[in-house]
Amino acid sequence: MLQEILAFITLGIAVVFLFKKFFFKRKKSDKNCGDDCNCH
């Protein structure tokens, strides 16, 4: 039971990480500055 939960959590984190990586690359391609300029 615990192993299944940990496996799903790890899978979820990996999927979210990959989605963020691809989306941030697309945003950087469209705009040179992006959201970072507003944050800093």
N, C-alpha and C. Protein backbone atom coordinates (compact mmCIF):
# COMPACT_ATOMS: atom_id res chain seq x y z
N MET A 1 0.83 -1.20 0.00
CA MET A 1 0.00 0.00 0.00
C MET A 1 0.88 1.27 0.00
N LEU A 2 1.85 1.30 0.91
CA LEU A 2 2.72 2.47 1.00
C LEU A 2 3.57 2.62 -0.26
N GLN A 3 4.04 1.51 -0.80
CA GLN A 3 4.86 1.58 -2.02
C GLN A 3 4.06 2.13 -3.19
N GLU A 4 2.79 1.76 -3.29
CA GLU A 4 1.95 2.27 -4.38
C GLU A 4 1.77 3.77 -4.26
N ILE A 5 1.55 4.25 -3.04
CA ILE A 5 1.37 5.69 -2.83
C ILE A 5 2.64 6.43 -3.20
N LEU A 6 3.78 5.93 -2.75
CA LEU A 6 5.06 6.58 -3.07
C LEU A 6 5.32 6.55 -4.58
N ALA A 7 4.96 5.47 -5.23
CA ALA A 7 5.16 5.36 -6.68
C ALA A 7 4.31 6.40 -7.41
N PHE A 8 3.05 6.56 -6.99
CA PHE A 8 2.18 7.54 -7.64
C PHE A 8 2.68 8.96 -7.40
N ILE A 9 3.16 9.23 -6.19
CA ILE A 9 3.68 10.57 -5.88
C ILE A 9 4.90 10.86 -6.74
N THR A 10 5.79 9.90 -6.84
CA THR A 10 7.00 10.07 -7.67
C THR A 10 6.63 10.28 -9.13
N LEU A 11 5.68 9.50 -9.62
CA LEU A 11 5.24 9.64 -11.00
C LEU A 11 4.63 11.02 -11.23
N GLY A 12 3.80 11.47 -10.29
CA GLY A 12 3.17 12.78 -10.40
C GLY A 12 4.21 13.90 -10.44
N ILE A 13 5.20 13.81 -9.56
CA ILE A 13 6.25 14.83 -9.52
C ILE A 13 7.02 14.85 -10.84
N ALA A 14 7.33 13.66 -11.37
CA ALA A 14 8.07 13.57 -12.63
C ALA A 14 7.27 14.18 -13.78
N VAL A 15 5.98 13.87 -13.84
CA VAL A 15 5.13 14.41 -14.92
C VAL A 15 5.04 15.93 -14.82
N VAL A 16 4.83 16.43 -13.60
CA VAL A 16 4.74 17.88 -13.40
C VAL A 16 6.06 18.55 -13.79
N PHE A 17 7.18 17.93 -13.41
CA PHE A 17 8.49 18.49 -13.74
C PHE A 17 8.68 18.58 -15.25
N LEU A 18 8.30 17.52 -15.96
CA LEU A 18 8.45 17.52 -17.42
C LEU A 18 7.55 18.57 -18.06
N PHE A 19 6.30 18.69 -17.57
CA PHE A 19 5.39 19.69 -18.13
C PHE A 19 5.95 21.10 -17.90
N LYS A 20 6.44 21.37 -16.68
CA LYS A 20 7.00 22.69 -16.39
C LYS A 20 8.19 22.97 -17.29
N LYS A 21 9.04 21.98 -17.49
CA LYS A 21 10.23 22.16 -18.31
C LYS A 21 9.84 22.55 -19.74
N PHE A 22 8.87 21.85 -20.32
CA PHE A 22 8.46 22.15 -21.69
C PHE A 22 7.75 23.50 -21.78
N PHE A 23 6.89 23.81 -20.79
CA PHE A 23 6.15 25.07 -20.85
C PHE A 23 7.08 26.26 -20.66
N PHE A 24 8.08 26.14 -19.77
CA PHE A 24 9.00 27.25 -19.56
C PHE A 24 9.85 27.48 -20.81
N LYS A 25 10.21 26.42 -21.52
CA LYS A 25 10.97 26.57 -22.75
C LYS A 25 10.14 27.32 -23.79
N ARG A 26 8.86 27.00 -23.89
CA ARG A 26 8.00 27.67 -24.86
C ARG A 26 7.84 29.14 -24.50
N LYS A 27 7.68 29.45 -23.21
CA LYS A 27 7.52 30.84 -22.80
C LYS A 27 8.79 31.62 -23.09
N LYS A 28 9.95 31.02 -22.84
CA LYS A 28 11.21 31.72 -23.08
C LYS A 28 11.40 31.96 -24.57
N SER A 29 10.91 31.06 -25.42
CA SER A 29 11.05 31.23 -26.86
C SER A 29 10.18 32.39 -27.35
N ASP A 30 8.98 32.54 -26.75
CA ASP A 30 8.07 33.60 -27.17
C ASP A 30 8.55 34.96 -26.67
N LYS A 31 8.95 35.01 -25.39
CA LYS A 31 9.38 36.27 -24.79
C LYS A 31 10.77 36.09 -24.19
N ASN A 32 11.64 37.04 -24.44
CA ASN A 32 12.99 36.94 -23.89
C ASN A 32 12.98 37.11 -22.38
N CYS A 33 12.11 37.98 -21.89
CA CYS A 33 12.09 38.30 -20.46
C CYS A 33 11.24 37.29 -19.70
N GLY A 34 9.98 37.12 -20.08
CA GLY A 34 9.10 36.17 -19.42
C GLY A 34 8.61 36.69 -18.08
N ASP A 35 8.25 35.76 -17.19
CA ASP A 35 7.72 36.13 -15.88
C ASP A 35 8.83 36.54 -14.91
N ASP A 36 10.08 36.22 -15.22
CA ASP A 36 11.17 36.50 -14.29
C ASP A 36 11.36 38.01 -14.06
N CYS A 37 11.08 38.81 -15.07
CA CYS A 37 11.29 40.26 -14.92
C CYS A 37 10.36 40.84 -13.87
N ASN A 38 9.13 40.35 -13.80
CA ASN A 38 8.18 40.87 -12.83
C ASN A 38 8.52 40.43 -11.42
N CYS A 39 9.13 39.25 -11.31
CA CYS A 39 9.41 38.70 -9.97
C CYS A 39 10.59 39.41 -9.32
N HIS A 40 11.64 39.70 -10.08
CA HIS A 40 12.85 40.25 -9.47
C HIS A 40 12.83 41.77 -9.48
